[in-house]
Protein backbone atom coordinates (compact mmCIF):
# COMPACT_ATOMS: atom_id res chain seq x y z
CA MET A 1 -0.42 -0.29 -0.11
CA MET A 2 2.60 2.17 0.78
CA ASP A 3 4.99 1.67 -1.67
CA ASN A 4 2.20 2.22 -4.64
CA PHE A 5 1.54 5.33 -2.80
CA LEU A 6 5.00 6.65 -2.83
CA HIS A 7 5.35 5.45 -6.67
CA SER A 8 2.04 7.54 -7.08
CA LEU A 9 3.46 10.58 -5.56
CA GLN A 10 6.84 10.19 -7.27
CA GLU A 11 5.06 10.23 -10.82
CA ARG A 12 2.65 13.34 -9.81
CA HIS A 13 5.99 15.11 -8.96
CA ALA A 14 8.06 14.31 -11.77
CA ALA A 15 4.74 15.14 -13.79
CA ALA A 16 4.38 18.69 -11.66
CA ALA A 17 8.00 18.88 -12.55
CA ALA A 18 7.80 18.54 -16.14
CA ALA A 19 4.90 20.96 -16.90
CA ALA A 20 7.00 23.94 -14.36
CA TYR A 21 4.75 26.56 -13.86
CA PRO A 22 6.00 29.66 -12.07
CA CYS A 23 5.75 29.43 -8.75
CA THR A 24 2.67 31.05 -7.04
CA GLU A 25 4.67 33.39 -4.77
CA ILE A 26 6.48 34.68 -7.30
CA VAL A 27 3.64 35.31 -9.60
CA HIS A 28 2.02 37.01 -6.33
CA SER A 29 5.30 39.29 -6.29
CA PHE A 30 5.11 40.20 -9.97
CA CYS A 31 1.71 41.62 -9.39
CA ASN A 32 2.15 43.23 -5.73
CA ARG A 33 5.11 45.03 -7.36
CA LEU A 34 3.30 46.11 -10.66
CA ILE A 35 0.63 47.30 -8.61
CA ASN A 36 2.80 49.23 -6.27
CA TRP A 37 4.75 50.64 -9.54
CA MET A 38 1.56 52.00 -10.69
CA PHE A 39 0.04 53.35 -7.47
CA PRO A 40 2.53 53.49 -4.90
CA GLU A 41 0.13 54.49 -2.28
CA HIS A 42 -0.78 50.55 -2.64
CA THR A 43 2.44 49.78 0.05
CA GLY A 44 3.58 53.23 0.47
CA ARG A 45 6.91 52.57 -1.31
CA VAL A 46 7.79 55.47 -3.65
CA LEU A 47 10.50 55.02 -6.06
CA PRO A 48 12.80 58.36 -7.32
CA LYS A 49 11.47 59.65 -10.31
CA ASP A 50 14.75 58.08 -11.94
CA GLU A 51 14.40 54.81 -10.91
CA ILE A 52 10.76 54.47 -12.48
CA ILE A 53 11.47 53.73 -16.09
CA ALA A 54 14.60 51.13 -14.28
CA TYR A 55 11.95 49.44 -12.43
CA MET A 56 9.22 49.15 -15.60
CA GLN A 57 11.97 47.32 -17.29
CA GLN A 58 12.96 44.91 -14.55
CA LEU A 59 9.38 43.88 -13.92
CA GLN A 60 9.33 43.13 -17.75
CA THR A 61 12.48 41.30 -17.39
CA ASP A 62 11.08 39.53 -14.58
CA LEU A 63 7.90 38.59 -16.33
CA THR A 64 10.23 37.16 -19.44
CA HIS A 65 11.74 35.11 -16.74
CA LEU A 66 8.36 33.79 -15.50
CA LEU A 67 7.13 33.06 -18.48
CA GLU A 68 10.44 30.84 -19.84
CA PRO A 69 9.19 27.68 -18.46
CA ILE A 70 6.27 27.83 -20.24
CA ALA A 71 7.02 29.09 -23.53
CA GLN A 72 6.09 26.13 -25.49
CA GLN A 73 2.76 27.13 -24.52
CA LEU A 74 2.59 30.53 -25.40
CA LEU A 75 1.71 32.14 -28.80
CA GLN A 76 5.30 33.94 -29.20
CA SER A 77 8.28 33.97 -26.96
CA PRO A 78 8.50 34.57 -23.51
CA GLY A 79 10.33 38.47 -24.47
CA VAL A 80 7.75 39.30 -26.68
CA THR A 81 4.92 38.38 -24.58
CA ALA A 82 6.62 40.39 -21.79
CA ALA A 83 6.83 43.26 -23.77
CA GLU A 84 3.50 43.35 -25.24
CA PHE A 85 1.92 42.87 -21.65
CA MET A 86 3.88 45.95 -20.60
CA GLU A 87 2.41 48.07 -23.44
CA MET A 88 -0.51 47.35 -22.17
CA VAL A 89 -0.52 48.43 -18.83
CA PRO A 90 -0.79 52.06 -19.50
CA GLY A 91 -4.81 50.81 -20.40
CA ILE A 92 -4.29 48.72 -16.86
CA TYR A 93 -3.45 51.61 -15.64
CA ASP A 94 -6.28 54.54 -16.82
CA ASP A 95 -8.93 51.91 -16.16
CA LEU A 96 -8.09 51.40 -12.57
CA THR A 97 -7.40 55.46 -12.17
CA LYS A 98 -11.08 55.42 -12.97
CA ASP A 99 -12.11 52.39 -10.78
CA ALA A 100 -10.93 54.34 -7.97
CA GLU A 101 -12.73 57.85 -9.17
CA ALA A 102 -15.77 55.63 -9.58
CA ILE A 103 -15.42 54.19 -5.66
CA LEU A 104 -14.64 57.46 -4.22
CA ALA A 105 -17.45 58.99 -5.77
CA GLY A 106 -19.88 56.01 -5.04
CA ASP A 107 -18.85 55.53 -1.09
CA PRO A 108 -19.74 57.97 1.45
CA ALA A 109 -17.31 56.59 3.89
CA ALA A 110 -14.06 57.14 1.52
CA THR A 111 -11.89 60.32 2.13
CA CYS A 112 -9.53 59.84 -0.72
CA GLN A 113 -7.76 58.25 -3.35
CA TYR A 114 -5.05 57.15 -1.01
CA GLU A 115 -7.73 55.54 1.28
CA ILE A 116 -9.01 53.58 -1.73
CA ILE A 117 -5.85 52.31 -3.04
CA ARG A 118 -3.77 51.84 0.43
CA THR A 119 -6.67 49.61 2.17
CA TYR A 120 -9.92 48.95 0.04
CA PRO A 121 -9.94 45.29 -0.80
CA GLY A 122 -12.31 45.80 -4.01
CA PHE A 123 -9.70 47.88 -4.79
CA TYR A 124 -7.02 45.26 -4.77
CA ALA A 125 -8.97 42.79 -6.17
CA VAL A 126 -10.28 44.87 -9.35
CA ALA A 127 -6.70 45.34 -10.17
CA SER A 128 -5.39 42.09 -9.58
CA TYR A 129 -8.37 41.38 -11.81
CA ARG A 130 -7.35 43.77 -14.52
CA ILE A 131 -3.40 42.74 -14.60
CA ALA A 132 -4.60 38.74 -14.96
CA HIS A 133 -6.79 39.73 -17.56
CA ALA A 134 -4.63 41.43 -19.68
CA LEU A 135 -2.39 38.17 -19.11
CA HIS A 136 -5.15 36.16 -20.31
CA LEU A 137 -6.23 38.13 -23.49
CA LEU A 138 -1.95 37.01 -24.37
CA ARG A 139 -3.48 33.23 -23.95
CA ILE A 140 -0.74 32.96 -20.73
CA PRO A 141 -2.34 29.62 -19.60
CA LEU A 142 -2.92 29.52 -15.53
CA MET A 143 -0.52 32.65 -14.09
CA PRO A 144 -3.86 35.05 -14.76
CA ARG A 145 -5.93 32.28 -12.24
CA ILE A 146 -3.15 32.48 -9.16
CA ILE A 147 -3.09 35.79 -9.30
CA THR A 148 -6.89 36.26 -9.21
CA GLU A 149 -7.29 33.29 -6.69
CA ILE A 150 -4.60 34.96 -4.54
CA ALA A 151 -6.77 38.43 -4.52
CA HIS A 152 -9.63 36.07 -4.06
CA THR A 153 -8.35 34.76 -0.76
CA ARG A 154 -7.01 37.73 0.46
CA THR A 155 -10.21 40.35 -0.19
CA GLY A 156 -13.05 37.41 -0.64
CA VAL A 157 -13.46 38.63 -3.84
CA ASP A 158 -13.90 36.20 -6.91
CA ILE A 159 -13.63 37.45 -9.75
CA HIS A 160 -12.58 35.14 -12.84
CA PRO A 161 -9.49 36.68 -15.30
CA ALA A 162 -11.69 35.97 -18.41
CA ALA A 163 -14.52 38.07 -17.35
CA THR A 164 -14.99 41.83 -19.00
CA ILE A 165 -15.16 44.53 -16.75
CA ALA A 166 -15.53 48.11 -18.08
CA PRO A 167 -13.70 51.04 -16.30
CA TYR A 168 -15.38 52.93 -13.71
CA PHE A 169 -16.35 49.99 -11.56
CA CYS A 170 -17.00 50.03 -8.18
CA ILE A 171 -16.84 47.04 -5.49
CA ASP A 172 -18.42 48.33 -1.97
CA HIS A 173 -17.55 46.04 1.22
CA GLY A 174 -16.94 43.09 -1.61
CA THR A 175 -16.34 39.87 0.85
CA GLY A 176 -18.55 37.33 -1.43
CA ILE A 177 -18.64 38.56 -4.75
CA VAL A 178 -18.89 35.87 -7.42
CA ILE A 179 -17.80 37.18 -10.98
CA GLY A 180 -17.70 34.44 -13.61
CA GLU A 181 -15.83 33.60 -16.55
CA THR A 182 -18.29 34.96 -19.53
CA THR A 183 -19.62 37.96 -17.28
CA ILE A 184 -19.88 41.34 -18.80
CA ILE A 185 -20.00 44.36 -16.87
CA GLY A 186 -20.51 47.71 -18.74
CA MET A 187 -18.84 50.86 -17.16
CA HIS A 188 -20.19 52.93 -14.40
CA VAL A 189 -21.72 49.59 -12.20
CA LYS A 190 -21.78 48.93 -8.29
CA LEU A 191 -21.84 45.88 -6.61
CA TYR A 192 -22.14 45.15 -2.95
CA GLN A 193 -21.15 42.15 -1.18
CA GLY A 194 -22.33 38.82 -1.65
CA VAL A 195 -23.34 39.72 -5.30
CA THR A 196 -23.33 36.65 -7.42
CA LEU A 197 -22.52 36.83 -11.31
CA GLY A 198 -23.37 33.12 -12.11
CA ALA A 199 -24.53 30.22 -14.36
CA LEU A 200 -27.79 28.55 -14.32
CA SER A 201 -26.22 25.51 -15.37
CA VAL A 202 -22.65 23.93 -14.16
CA ASP A 203 -22.39 21.27 -17.07
CA LYS A 204 -19.41 20.53 -18.42
CA SER A 205 -20.81 20.57 -21.93
CA MET A 206 -21.04 24.51 -21.24
CA ALA A 207 -17.54 24.89 -21.29
CA GLN A 208 -17.08 27.26 -24.11
CA SER A 209 -20.67 28.47 -24.06
CA LYS A 210 -21.65 32.38 -22.54
CA ARG A 211 -22.77 30.99 -19.41
CA HIS A 212 -23.02 34.23 -17.09
CA PRO A 213 -25.31 37.56 -16.95
CA THR A 214 -24.22 40.75 -18.93
CA ILE A 215 -25.02 43.96 -16.61
CA GLU A 216 -25.29 46.75 -18.97
CA ASP A 217 -23.68 50.82 -17.85
CA HIS A 218 -25.01 52.38 -14.88
CA VAL A 219 -26.19 49.34 -12.85
CA VAL A 220 -26.27 49.10 -9.28
CA ILE A 221 -26.69 45.56 -7.65
CA TYR A 222 -27.01 45.51 -3.84
CA SER A 223 -25.77 42.76 -1.32
CA GLY A 224 -26.89 39.10 -1.90
CA ALA A 225 -28.22 39.61 -5.34
CA THR A 226 -27.96 36.36 -7.66
CA ILE A 227 -28.05 36.82 -11.16
CA LEU A 228 -27.44 33.74 -13.21
CA GLY A 229 -27.69 32.94 -16.86
CA GLY A 230 -25.80 33.88 -20.37
CA ASP A 231 -28.83 35.00 -21.54
CA THR A 232 -29.80 37.22 -18.62
CA VAL A 233 -29.37 41.36 -19.34
CA ILE A 234 -29.61 43.85 -16.59
CA GLY A 235 -30.61 46.68 -19.13
CA HIS A 236 -28.45 49.85 -18.14
CA HIS A 237 -29.68 52.13 -15.15
CA SER A 238 -31.51 49.51 -13.37
CA ILE A 239 -31.51 49.11 -9.85
CA ILE A 240 -31.38 44.99 -8.36
CA GLY A 241 -31.99 45.16 -4.58
CA GLY A 242 -30.77 42.83 -1.87
CA ASN A 243 -31.27 39.61 -1.86
CA VAL A 244 -32.93 39.40 -5.06
CA TRP A 245 -32.34 36.06 -7.42
CA MET A 246 -32.77 36.37 -10.98
CA ILE A 247 -32.58 34.20 -14.41
CA LYS A 248 -34.37 36.57 -16.50
CA SER A 249 -33.81 40.02 -18.48
CA VAL A 250 -35.10 43.01 -17.26
CA PRO A 251 -35.28 46.30 -19.07
CA PRO A 252 -33.24 49.44 -18.75
CA TYR A 253 -34.29 51.78 -16.08
CA SER A 254 -35.66 48.29 -13.91
CA ARG A 255 -35.54 48.29 -10.35
CA ILE A 256 -36.17 45.16 -8.89
CA TYR A 257 -36.87 44.57 -5.47
CA TYR A 258 -38.65 42.70 -2.53
CA ARG A 259 -41.25 43.82 -1.02
CA PRO A 260 -41.97 42.87 3.13
CA ASP A 261 -44.29 39.88 2.32
CA GLY A 262 -41.41 37.92 0.19
CA SER A 263 -42.84 38.65 -2.99
CA MET A 264 -41.02 40.39 -5.75
CA ASN A 265 -41.79 43.87 -7.33
CA ILE A 266 -40.52 45.14 -10.77
CA ILE A 267 -40.77 48.11 -11.96
CA GLU A 268 -39.83 48.74 -15.63
CA ASN A 269 -38.86 51.42 -18.06
CA ARG A 270 -39.10 54.23 -15.38
CA ASN A 271 -36.82 56.51 -17.26
CA ILE A 272 -35.77 58.45 -14.18
């Protein structure tokens, strides 16, 4: 029994060595250093002006080294892939700046962007997502998921790196939020804690289909709401109340909430 077990472990360790994915801690370090380079408020480490470019070059070199063990799985060489990623960083920075603006505008408790960047779990989760999403777009395997799962562990916010999220995205509190792989979220969307944007079915045969909802611009979804299904669209400027369970689309300017007796009230097309 023990001999078979040890032999099985030897084979598993050999297979893991052959896969040679980057170490989780090193991936985590790269992500955090990238966030800190863009937003020194993140850790409070401020770089002198003459070190900012050198730091960028080191980040690109570090990413190249991270990608070298999985070079055969990349569309291009590790060096080219790392350079393409760094070209995407200004866009990541722009989106995250808008996200911080949205959080500041949407949370009365927020005093300044410094506080948001340094302390808000929602900002950290979205920053990790935006970095992971860029890596995902470059078809880099596993690393995007490692980054978002580290953020999930730290913040309680679970965002799949393949989800599509427009800027001015505001997460308030955040704990327990789940955003599935094929979710599409428009601009100026605000989510409270415990929101699930999930799939109606977890059948493996649906892996390549759109399984998660679309949330259009200027939507607010309050805590505990569950919205499921790839065909479910929440129209722009809608408000979804707390603990609402939805599997059908609603038009723009809808208001959905539960009455005290437990029945659902749906007010549609009120352009106010």
